[in-house]
Amino acid sequence: MRNKFGKWFFILHLIFGLYFVNFAFGYFALPEFFLDVEKWIFLIGGILILLGGFHHLRTSKRRNKKDY
């Protein structure tokens, strides 16, 4: 179960990451629909970045405990 959730979580991170990169550099023209929901995309993207940071912090603590 956790493995399936991890794959979906990665795909979600990938989609929002690509959206943010495209937003900054403008590689592709986005449909009007994305402009309408842009605030929600930024909200979800920000939450995913925070969750990723907490996950990294949690896993780095585990690795540091094994070193001692």
Protein backbone atom coordinates (compact mmCIF):
# COMPACT_ATOMS: atom_id res chain seq x y z
CA MET A 1 0.00 0.00 0.00
CA ARG A 2 2.76 2.43 0.89
CA ASN A 3 4.61 1.73 -2.34
CA LYS A 4 1.54 2.64 -4.44
CA PHE A 5 1.05 5.85 -2.47
CA GLY A 6 4.71 6.71 -2.93
CA LYS A 7 4.45 6.35 -6.70
CA TRP A 8 1.38 8.61 -6.85
CA PHE A 9 3.04 11.12 -4.55
CA PHE A 10 6.07 11.19 -6.86
CA ILE A 11 3.88 11.70 -9.94
CA LEU A 12 2.07 14.54 -8.20
CA HIS A 13 5.40 16.17 -7.30
CA LEU A 14 6.59 15.71 -10.87
CA ILE A 15 3.50 17.36 -12.38
CA PHE A 16 3.64 20.38 -10.11
CA GLY A 17 7.41 20.66 -10.47
CA LEU A 18 7.12 20.72 -14.24
CA TYR A 19 4.36 23.31 -13.99
CA PHE A 20 6.56 25.58 -11.84
CA VAL A 21 9.51 25.20 -14.23
CA ASN A 22 7.27 25.98 -17.20
CA PHE A 23 5.78 28.93 -15.35
CA ALA A 24 9.23 30.41 -14.73
CA PHE A 25 10.70 29.87 -18.20
CA GLY A 26 7.58 29.64 -20.38
CA TYR A 27 8.54 26.65 -22.54
CA PHE A 28 4.95 25.75 -23.43
CA ALA A 29 1.82 27.85 -23.84
CA LEU A 30 -0.72 26.70 -21.26
CA PRO A 31 -4.47 26.56 -21.92
CA GLU A 32 -6.76 29.18 -20.39
CA PHE A 33 -8.00 26.60 -17.88
CA PHE A 34 -4.66 26.63 -16.04
CA LEU A 35 -4.82 30.39 -15.68
CA ASP A 36 -8.20 30.07 -13.98
CA VAL A 37 -6.95 27.59 -11.36
CA GLU A 38 -3.46 29.05 -10.97
CA LYS A 39 -3.99 29.99 -7.31
CA TRP A 40 -4.95 26.41 -6.47
CA ILE A 41 -1.96 25.05 -8.34
CA PHE A 42 0.38 27.28 -6.36
CA LEU A 43 -1.33 26.31 -3.10
CA ILE A 44 -1.02 22.58 -3.77
CA GLY A 45 2.54 23.02 -5.07
CA GLY A 46 3.53 24.91 -1.93
CA ILE A 47 2.03 22.22 0.28
CA LEU A 48 3.93 19.53 -1.65
CA ILE A 49 7.18 21.46 -1.25
CA LEU A 50 6.59 21.72 2.51
CA LEU A 51 5.76 18.02 2.78
CA GLY A 52 8.88 17.16 0.80
CA GLY A 53 10.98 19.29 3.14
CA PHE A 54 9.54 17.61 6.23
CA HIS A 55 10.08 14.20 4.66
CA HIS A 56 13.70 15.06 3.92
CA LEU A 57 14.19 16.31 7.47
CA ARG A 58 12.70 13.11 8.89
CA THR A 59 14.79 10.80 6.72
CA SER A 60 17.99 12.75 7.39
CA LYS A 61 17.45 12.31 11.15
CA ARG A 62 17.16 8.55 10.64
CA ARG A 63 20.40 8.45 8.65
CA ASN A 64 22.25 10.49 11.26
CA LYS A 65 21.17 8.13 14.07
CA LYS A 66 22.61 5.14 12.20
CA ASP A 67 26.01 6.86 11.96
CA TYR A 68 26.46 6.93 15.77
